[in-house]
Amino acid sequence: MADTGRRMSLRFEELAWRQTPMGEISLRRRWDATVDADVYEVKLGDEFLMSSLFTVAEIELARLGLAEVVGDDLEVVVGGLGLGYTARTVLEDPRVHELIVVDALDEVISWHQRGLLPFASAVVADPRSRLHHGDFFAMNATGFDPQQPGRQFHAVLLDVDHSPSHLLHPSHAPFYTADGLRRLADHLHPGGVFGLWSNDPPDDAFTAVMAEVFDGVRAQVVTFANPLQRRTSTNTIYLGRRPSA
């Protein structure tokens, strides 16, 4: 179904809507008096996927991940475009030579390309950036650059599922096993970094699975202000490095 772009009220507008294999996805803009600003939100079915109110952890996924990487001319993969905050932060690092962003929903890529998000141009217009419509989890078996099979990267940063145990689709589950993470590690240069965003507190069992594959594994809690609930909220960033030898 085509985008409606219909105004629902003076305080709310649905910018885009489409039926996808994963359910109905919509991009909404609303005025939030709490922060005195427009807030952009993405829903999949009845579930909220992301909001421009809460971007600290998405930004920190990029900052913390790239802080672990040594060297210049970095080649980076981001799994999950969303509102683009992780990708934008990657591109703010002057060491980054190329970024490939993989998203399973072409509608999300279209939002950025059509300028529905006022901050999207930083990703779309940057010549170092390439947006690819594809299933990150399926590509983990084959490679993240269709133009260069077998290519390795300095960092792979993933923000798709809510957590390693709260998945958007059951087909993602094998990725979060030791075998799935070993396949991911094959796409990294020795010393390359894997970073993962999670909405849940640190999961010791998943940290242990990561430690079977990566060195220096840690689960870092990121705190941020939650103006809706008037309290501090937390997310988790998992980080690990492919062994150098």
C-alpha atoms as a PDB file:
ATOM      1  CA  MET A   1       0.000   0.000   0.000  1.00  0.00           C
ATOM      2  CA  ALA A   2       1.287   3.460  -0.797  1.00  0.00           C
ATOM      3  CA  ASP A   3       2.324   5.929   1.897  1.00  0.00           C
ATOM      4  CA  THR A   4      -0.584   7.939   3.211  1.00  0.00           C
ATOM      5  CA  GLY A   5       1.229  10.981   4.551  1.00  0.00           C
ATOM      6  CA  ARG A   6      -2.088  11.910   6.137  1.00  0.00           C
ATOM      7  CA  ARG A   7      -2.275  14.326   9.042  1.00  0.00           C
ATOM      8  CA  MET A   8      -4.015  12.775  12.015  1.00  0.00           C
ATOM      9  CA  SER A   9      -4.143  15.945  14.151  1.00  0.00           C
ATOM     10  CA  LEU A  10      -2.218  19.132  14.790  1.00  0.00           C
ATOM     11  CA  ARG A  11       0.030  17.193  17.159  1.00  0.00           C
ATOM     12  CA  PHE A  12       0.411  13.929  15.238  1.00  0.00           C
ATOM     13  CA  GLU A  13       1.231  12.943  11.668  1.00  0.00           C
ATOM     14  CA  GLU A  14       1.743   9.544  10.087  1.00  0.00           C
ATOM     15  CA  LEU A  15       4.506  10.134   7.550  1.00  0.00           C
ATOM     16  CA  ALA A  16       4.639   6.642   6.036  1.00  0.00           C
ATOM     17  CA  TRP A  17       2.923   3.290   6.368  1.00  0.00           C
ATOM     18  CA  ARG A  18       3.384  -0.043   4.620  1.00  0.00           C
ATOM     19  CA  GLN A  19       2.590  -3.702   5.068  1.00  0.00           C
ATOM     20  CA  THR A  20       5.798  -5.774   5.224  1.00  0.00           C
ATOM     21  CA  PRO A  21       6.515  -9.499   5.709  1.00  0.00           C
ATOM     22  CA  MET A  22       7.219  -8.681   9.371  1.00  0.00           C
ATOM     23  CA  GLY A  23       3.971  -6.712   9.845  1.00  0.00           C
ATOM     24  CA  GLU A  24       2.744  -3.152   9.415  1.00  0.00           C
ATOM     25  CA  ILE A  25       5.532  -0.608   9.760  1.00  0.00           C
ATOM     26  CA  SER A  26       4.870   3.083  10.228  1.00  0.00           C
ATOM     27  CA  LEU A  27       6.824   6.285  10.707  1.00  0.00           C
ATOM     28  CA  ARG A  28       5.100   8.888  12.850  1.00  0.00           C
ATOM     29  CA  ARG A  29       5.925  12.420  13.900  1.00  0.00           C
ATOM     30  CA  ARG A  30       4.354  14.006  16.948  1.00  0.00           C
ATOM     31  CA  TRP A  31       4.885  17.136  18.959  1.00  0.00           C
ATOM     32  CA  ASP A  32       5.996  16.353  22.496  1.00  0.00           C
ATOM     33  CA  ALA A  33       5.441  19.158  24.980  1.00  0.00           C
ATOM     34  CA  THR A  34       7.719  17.424  27.498  1.00  0.00           C
ATOM     35  CA  VAL A  35      10.785  18.115  25.355  1.00  0.00           C
ATOM     36  CA  ASP A  36       9.239  20.953  23.306  1.00  0.00           C
ATOM     37  CA  ALA A  37      10.188  19.297  20.015  1.00  0.00           C
ATOM     38  CA  ASP A  38       9.030  16.983  17.239  1.00  0.00           C
ATOM     39  CA  VAL A  39       9.554  13.323  18.084  1.00  0.00           C
ATOM     40  CA  TYR A  40       9.912  10.677  15.366  1.00  0.00           C
ATOM     41  CA  GLU A  41       8.753   7.150  16.169  1.00  0.00           C
ATOM     42  CA  VAL A  42       8.747   3.827  14.334  1.00  0.00           C
ATOM     43  CA  LYS A  43       6.185   1.109  15.041  1.00  0.00           C
ATOM     44  CA  LEU A  44       6.085  -2.455  13.762  1.00  0.00           C
ATOM     45  CA  GLY A  45       2.546  -3.675  14.281  1.00  0.00           C
ATOM     46  CA  ASP A  46       1.595  -2.648  17.817  1.00  0.00           C
ATOM     47  CA  GLU A  47       5.210  -2.593  18.981  1.00  0.00           C
ATOM     48  CA  PHE A  48       7.362   0.534  19.238  1.00  0.00           C
ATOM     49  CA  LEU A  49      10.751  -0.099  17.623  1.00  0.00           C
ATOM     50  CA  MET A  50      12.486   3.227  18.137  1.00  0.00           C
ATOM     51  CA  SER A  51      12.041   6.857  19.044  1.00  0.00           C
ATOM     52  CA  SER A  52      14.118   9.971  18.517  1.00  0.00           C
ATOM     53  CA  LEU A  53      13.566  10.628  22.224  1.00  0.00           C
ATOM     54  CA  PHE A  54      15.896   7.768  23.101  1.00  0.00           C
ATOM     55  CA  THR A  55      19.058   7.773  20.998  1.00  0.00           C
ATOM     56  CA  VAL A  56      21.902   7.759  23.528  1.00  0.00           C
ATOM     57  CA  ALA A  57      22.527   4.020  23.381  1.00  0.00           C
ATOM     58  CA  GLU A  58      22.328   3.906  19.565  1.00  0.00           C
ATOM     59  CA  ILE A  59      24.976   6.624  19.461  1.00  0.00           C
ATOM     60  CA  GLU A  60      27.082   4.894  22.093  1.00  0.00           C
ATOM     61  CA  LEU A  61      26.982   1.645  20.100  1.00  0.00           C
ATOM     62  CA  ALA A  62      29.003   3.427  17.418  1.00  0.00           C
ATOM     63  CA  ARG A  63      31.254   5.388  19.759  1.00  0.00           C
ATOM     64  CA  LEU A  64      32.108   2.496  22.032  1.00  0.00           C
ATOM     65  CA  GLY A  65      32.539   0.074  19.150  1.00  0.00           C
ATOM     66  CA  LEU A  66      34.849   2.306  17.137  1.00  0.00           C
ATOM     67  CA  ALA A  67      36.825   3.280  20.244  1.00  0.00           C
ATOM     68  CA  GLU A  68      37.923  -0.360  20.395  1.00  0.00           C
ATOM     69  CA  VAL A  69      39.250  -0.328  16.817  1.00  0.00           C
ATOM     70  CA  VAL A  70      42.873   0.559  16.122  1.00  0.00           C
ATOM     71  CA  GLY A  71      43.964   2.191  12.863  1.00  0.00           C
ATOM     72  CA  ASP A  72      42.639   4.311  10.021  1.00  0.00           C
ATOM     73  CA  ASP A  73      40.732   3.728   6.773  1.00  0.00           C
ATOM     74  CA  LEU A  74      38.140   1.779   8.708  1.00  0.00           C
ATOM     75  CA  GLU A  75      35.475  -0.263   6.925  1.00  0.00           C
ATOM     76  CA  VAL A  76      32.332  -0.681   9.008  1.00  0.00           C
ATOM     77  CA  VAL A  77      29.013  -2.533   8.791  1.00  0.00           C
ATOM     78  CA  VAL A  78      25.921  -1.377  10.673  1.00  0.00           C
ATOM     79  CA  GLY A  79      23.065  -3.862  10.896  1.00  0.00           C
ATOM     80  CA  GLY A  80      19.792  -1.964  11.243  1.00  0.00           C
ATOM     81  CA  LEU A  81      19.330   1.560   9.880  1.00  0.00           C
ATOM     82  CA  GLY A  82      16.387   2.652  12.017  1.00  0.00           C
ATOM     83  CA  LEU A  83      16.405   6.407  12.515  1.00  0.00           C
ATOM     84  CA  GLY A  84      20.046   6.485  11.485  1.00  0.00           C
ATOM     85  CA  TYR A  85      21.738   7.552  14.718  1.00  0.00           C
ATOM     86  CA  THR A  86      24.281   4.712  14.821  1.00  0.00           C
ATOM     87  CA  ALA A  87      25.188   5.212  11.156  1.00  0.00           C
ATOM     88  CA  ARG A  88      25.502   8.986  11.572  1.00  0.00           C
ATOM     89  CA  THR A  89      27.797   8.562  14.555  1.00  0.00           C
ATOM     90  CA  VAL A  90      29.990   6.088  12.648  1.00  0.00           C
ATOM     91  CA  LEU A  91      30.399   8.662   9.875  1.00  0.00           C
ATOM     92  CA  GLU A  92      31.421  11.318  12.389  1.00  0.00           C
ATOM     93  CA  ASP A  93      34.608   9.331  13.028  1.00  0.00           C
ATOM     94  CA  PRO A  94      37.190  10.710  10.548  1.00  0.00           C
ATOM     95  CA  ARG A  95      38.960   7.355  10.450  1.00  0.00           C
ATOM     96  CA  VAL A  96      35.992   5.712   8.704  1.00  0.00           C
ATOM     97  CA  HIS A  97      36.651   5.080   5.021  1.00  0.00           C
ATOM     98  CA  GLU A  98      33.465   3.174   4.160  1.00  0.00           C
ATOM     99  CA  LEU A  99      30.171   2.276   5.816  1.00  0.00           C
ATOM    100  CA  ILE A 100      27.662  -0.330   4.662  1.00  0.00           C
ATOM    101  CA  VAL A 101      24.276  -0.170   6.392  1.00  0.00           C
ATOM    102  CA  VAL A 102      22.108  -3.285   6.042  1.00  0.00           C
ATOM    103  CA  ASP A 103      18.364  -3.152   6.687  1.00  0.00           C
ATOM    104  CA  ALA A 104      15.763  -5.821   5.953  1.00  0.00           C
ATOM    105  CA  LEU A 105      13.011  -3.265   5.303  1.00  0.00           C
ATOM    106  CA  ASP A 106      13.377  -1.260   2.113  1.00  0.00           C
ATOM    107  CA  GLU A 107      10.736   1.102   3.485  1.00  0.00           C
ATOM    108  CA  VAL A 108      13.135   2.234   6.216  1.00  0.00           C
ATOM    109  CA  ILE A 109      15.833   2.942   3.620  1.00  0.00           C
ATOM    110  CA  SER A 110      13.256   4.830   1.559  1.00  0.00           C
ATOM    111  CA  TRP A 111      12.414   7.123   4.494  1.00  0.00           C
ATOM    112  CA  HIS A 112      16.011   8.298   4.538  1.00  0.00           C
ATOM    113  CA  GLN A 113      16.366   8.609   0.786  1.00  0.00           C
ATOM    114  CA  ARG A 114      13.120  10.604   0.508  1.00  0.00           C
ATOM    115  CA  GLY A 115      14.085  12.998   3.295  1.00  0.00           C
ATOM    116  CA  LEU A 116      11.184  12.112   5.605  1.00  0.00           C
ATOM    117  CA  LEU A 117      13.620  12.337   8.494  1.00  0.00           C
ATOM    118  CA  PRO A 118      15.166  15.818   8.741  1.00  0.00           C
ATOM    119  CA  PHE A 119      18.490  14.424   9.991  1.00  0.00           C
ATOM    120  CA  ALA A 120      18.794  11.690   7.321  1.00  0.00           C
ATOM    121  CA  SER A 121      20.933  13.574   4.815  1.00  0.00           C
ATOM    122  CA  ALA A 122      24.075  13.053   6.902  1.00  0.00           C
ATOM    123  CA  VAL A 123      23.906   9.337   6.053  1.00  0.00           C
ATOM    124  CA  VAL A 124      22.396   9.429   2.566  1.00  0.00           C
ATOM    125  CA  ALA A 125      24.608  12.157   1.135  1.00  0.00           C
ATOM    126  CA  ASP A 126      27.915  10.994   2.593  1.00  0.00           C
ATOM    127  CA  PRO A 127      29.956   9.372  -0.221  1.00  0.00           C
ATOM    128  CA  ARG A 128      31.421   6.885   2.271  1.00  0.00           C
ATOM    129  CA  SER A 129      27.985   5.457   3.015  1.00  0.00           C
ATOM    130  CA  ARG A 130      26.053   2.742   1.193  1.00  0.00           C
ATOM    131  CA  LEU A 131      22.546   1.613   2.180  1.00  0.00           C
ATOM    132  CA  HIS A 132      21.791  -2.007   1.325  1.00  0.00           C
ATOM    133  CA  HIS A 133      18.392  -3.695   1.453  1.00  0.00           C
ATOM    134  CA  GLY A 134      19.068  -7.148   2.853  1.00  0.00           C
ATOM    135  CA  ASP A 135      18.616  -9.527   5.761  1.00  0.00           C
ATOM    136  CA  PHE A 136      21.603  -9.053   8.057  1.00  0.00           C
ATOM    137  CA  PHE A 137      21.131 -12.491   9.607  1.00  0.00           C
ATOM    138  CA  ALA A 138      21.000 -14.271   6.242  1.00  0.00           C
ATOM    139  CA  MET A 139      23.991 -12.241   5.039  1.00  0.00           C
ATOM    140  CA  ASN A 140      25.958 -13.421   8.058  1.00  0.00           C
ATOM    141  CA  ALA A 141      26.267 -16.737   6.229  1.00  0.00           C
ATOM    142  CA  THR A 142      27.432 -15.207   2.949  1.00  0.00           C
ATOM    143  CA  GLY A 143      28.993 -11.796   3.580  1.00  0.00           C
ATOM    144  CA  PHE A 144      27.893  -8.215   4.061  1.00  0.00           C
ATOM    145  CA  ASP A 145      29.102  -6.792   0.755  1.00  0.00           C
ATOM    146  CA  PRO A 146      27.457  -8.466  -2.269  1.00  0.00           C
ATOM    147  CA  GLN A 147      29.984  -6.733  -4.504  1.00  0.00           C
ATOM    148  CA  GLN A 148      32.943  -8.324  -2.705  1.00  0.00           C
ATOM    149  CA  PRO A 149      32.257 -11.839  -1.375  1.00  0.00           C
ATOM    150  CA  GLY A 150      34.486 -12.769   1.529  1.00  0.00           C
ATOM    151  CA  ARG A 151      35.257  -9.172   2.398  1.00  0.00           C
ATOM    152  CA  GLN A 152      36.286  -8.438   5.986  1.00  0.00           C
ATOM    153  CA  PHE A 153      35.577  -5.346   8.073  1.00  0.00           C
ATOM    154  CA  HIS A 154      37.073  -3.551  11.037  1.00  0.00           C
ATOM    155  CA  ALA A 155      33.779  -3.345  12.928  1.00  0.00           C
ATOM    156  CA  VAL A 156      30.274  -4.791  12.712  1.00  0.00           C
ATOM    157  CA  LEU A 157      27.673  -3.007  14.836  1.00  0.00           C
ATOM    158  CA  LEU A 158      24.207  -4.536  15.215  1.00  0.00           C
ATOM    159  CA  ASP A 159      20.952  -2.956  16.372  1.00  0.00           C
ATOM    160  CA  VAL A 160      17.962  -4.972  15.126  1.00  0.00           C
ATOM    161  CA  ASP A 161      16.453  -7.166  17.842  1.00  0.00           C
ATOM    162  CA  HIS A 162      15.376  -5.872  21.245  1.00  0.00           C
ATOM    163  CA  SER A 163      17.919  -8.168  22.881  1.00  0.00           C
ATOM    164  CA  PRO A 164      19.624 -11.537  22.294  1.00  0.00           C
ATOM    165  CA  SER A 165      16.553 -13.204  23.814  1.00  0.00           C
ATOM    166  CA  HIS A 166      13.791 -10.802  22.700  1.00  0.00           C
ATOM    167  CA  LEU A 167      13.810 -11.153  18.922  1.00  0.00           C
ATOM    168  CA  LEU A 168      11.816  -9.499  16.189  1.00  0.00           C
ATOM    169  CA  HIS A 169      11.658 -12.840  14.348  1.00  0.00           C
ATOM    170  CA  PRO A 170      12.472 -16.422  15.420  1.00  0.00           C
ATOM    171  CA  SER A 171      14.765 -16.868  12.400  1.00  0.00           C
ATOM    172  CA  HIS A 172      17.274 -14.539  14.075  1.00  0.00           C
ATOM    173  CA  ALA A 173      17.889 -16.933  16.980  1.00  0.00           C
ATOM    174  CA  PRO A 174      20.774 -18.952  15.435  1.00  0.00           C
ATOM    175  CA  PHE A 175      22.841 -15.780  15.141  1.00  0.00           C
ATOM    176  CA  TYR A 176      23.087 -15.463  18.928  1.00  0.00           C
ATOM    177  CA  THR A 177      24.717 -18.886  19.355  1.00  0.00           C
ATOM    178  CA  ALA A 178      28.438 -19.571  19.386  1.00  0.00           C
ATOM    179  CA  ASP A 179      28.232 -20.914  15.808  1.00  0.00           C
ATOM    180  CA  GLY A 180      26.401 -17.803  14.615  1.00  0.00           C
ATOM    181  CA  LEU A 181      28.920 -15.516  16.263  1.00  0.00           C
ATOM    182  CA  ARG A 182      31.811 -17.501  14.791  1.00  0.00           C
ATOM    183  CA  ARG A 183      30.390 -16.851  11.329  1.00  0.00           C
ATOM    184  CA  LEU A 184      30.174 -13.173  12.232  1.00  0.00           C
ATOM    185  CA  ALA A 185      33.787 -13.193  13.402  1.00  0.00           C
ATOM    186  CA  ASP A 186      34.834 -14.538   9.994  1.00  0.00           C
ATOM    187  CA  HIS A 187      33.654 -11.216   8.505  1.00  0.00           C
ATOM    188  CA  LEU A 188      36.010  -9.251  10.768  1.00  0.00           C
ATOM    189  CA  HIS A 189      39.680  -8.528  10.305  1.00  0.00           C
ATOM    190  CA  PRO A 190      41.820  -9.976  13.105  1.00  0.00           C
ATOM    191  CA  GLY A 191      41.365  -7.525  15.954  1.00  0.00           C
ATOM    192  CA  GLY A 192      38.060  -6.322  14.472  1.00  0.00           C
ATOM    193  CA  VAL A 193      35.210  -5.451  16.811  1.00  0.00           C
ATOM    194  CA  PHE A 194      31.644  -6.697  17.126  1.00  0.00           C
ATOM    195  CA  GLY A 195      29.162  -4.462  18.955  1.00  0.00           C
ATOM    196  CA  LEU A 196      25.543  -5.234  19.813  1.00  0.00           C
ATOM    197  CA  TRP A 197      22.766  -3.034  21.239  1.00  0.00           C
ATOM    198  CA  SER A 198      20.267  -4.510  23.688  1.00  0.00           C
ATOM    199  CA  ASN A 199      17.256  -3.006  25.412  1.00  0.00           C
ATOM    200  CA  ASP A 200      17.622  -5.439  28.325  1.00  0.00           C
ATOM    201  CA  PRO A 201      20.053  -5.549  31.261  1.00  0.00           C
ATOM    202  CA  PRO A 202      23.300  -7.504  30.729  1.00  0.00           C
ATOM    203  CA  ASP A 203      22.688 -11.181  30.090  1.00  0.00           C
ATOM    204  CA  ASP A 204      25.463 -13.260  31.672  1.00  0.00           C
ATOM    205  CA  ALA A 205      24.587 -16.297  29.577  1.00  0.00           C
ATOM    206  CA  PHE A 206      24.939 -14.372  26.317  1.00  0.00           C
ATOM    207  CA  THR A 207      28.154 -12.711  27.519  1.00  0.00           C
ATOM    208  CA  ALA A 208      29.537 -16.206  28.125  1.00  0.00           C
ATOM    209  CA  VAL A 209      28.561 -17.258  24.584  1.00  0.00           C
ATOM    210  CA  MET A 210      30.338 -14.199  23.182  1.00  0.00           C
ATOM    211  CA  ALA A 211      33.428 -15.062  25.227  1.00  0.00           C
ATOM    212  CA  GLU A 212      33.616 -18.417  23.413  1.00  0.00           C
ATOM    213  CA  VAL A 213      34.307 -16.493  20.201  1.00  0.00           C
ATOM    214  CA  PHE A 214      35.704 -13.050  21.043  1.00  0.00           C
ATOM    215  CA  ASP A 215      38.387 -11.556  23.260  1.00  0.00           C
ATOM    216  CA  GLY A 216      37.843  -8.734  25.726  1.00  0.00           C
ATOM    217  CA  VAL A 217      34.104  -9.312  25.942  1.00  0.00           C
ATOM    218  CA  ARG A 218      32.133  -6.906  28.083  1.00  0.00           C
ATOM    219  CA  ALA A 219      28.555  -5.786  28.559  1.00  0.00           C
ATOM    220  CA  GLN A 220      28.490  -2.045  29.188  1.00  0.00           C
ATOM    221  CA  VAL A 221      25.408  -0.428  30.653  1.00  0.00           C
ATOM    222  CA  VAL A 222      24.475   2.923  29.096  1.00  0.00           C
ATOM    223  CA  THR A 223      22.258   5.273  31.092  1.00  0.00           C
ATOM    224  CA  PHE A 224      20.083   8.056  29.723  1.00  0.00           C
ATOM    225  CA  ALA A 225      17.310  10.368  30.845  1.00  0.00           C
ATOM    226  CA  ASN A 226      13.759   9.164  30.191  1.00  0.00           C
ATOM    227  CA  PRO A 227      11.576  12.292  30.035  1.00  0.00           C
ATOM    228  CA  LEU A 228       8.375  10.287  29.600  1.00  0.00           C
ATOM    229  CA  GLN A 229       8.840   8.323  32.814  1.00  0.00           C
ATOM    230  CA  ARG A 230      10.857  11.043  34.556  1.00  0.00           C
ATOM    231  CA  ARG A 231      13.609   8.668  35.529  1.00  0.00           C
ATOM    232  CA  THR A 232      16.895   7.266  34.283  1.00  0.00           C
ATOM    233  CA  SER A 233      16.705   4.310  31.900  1.00  0.00           C
ATOM    234  CA  THR A 234      19.400   1.895  30.751  1.00  0.00           C
ATOM    235  CA  ASN A 235      20.389  -0.124  27.693  1.00  0.00           C
ATOM    236  CA  THR A 236      23.302  -2.514  27.215  1.00  0.00           C
ATOM    237  CA  ILE A 237      26.108  -2.505  24.660  1.00  0.00           C
ATOM    238  CA  TYR A 238      27.954  -5.807  24.189  1.00  0.00           C
ATOM    239  CA  LEU A 239      31.483  -5.588  22.784  1.00  0.00           C
ATOM    240  CA  GLY A 240      34.026  -8.188  21.723  1.00  0.00           C
ATOM    241  CA  ARG A 241      37.146  -8.350  19.574  1.00  0.00           C
ATOM    242  CA  ARG A 242      38.117 -11.058  17.081  1.00  0.00           C
ATOM    243  CA  PRO A 243      41.356 -12.644  18.273  1.00  0.00           C
ATOM    244  CA  SER A 244      44.402 -11.411  16.382  1.00  0.00           C
ATOM    245  CA  ALA A 245      45.886 -14.875  16.065  1.00  0.00           C
END
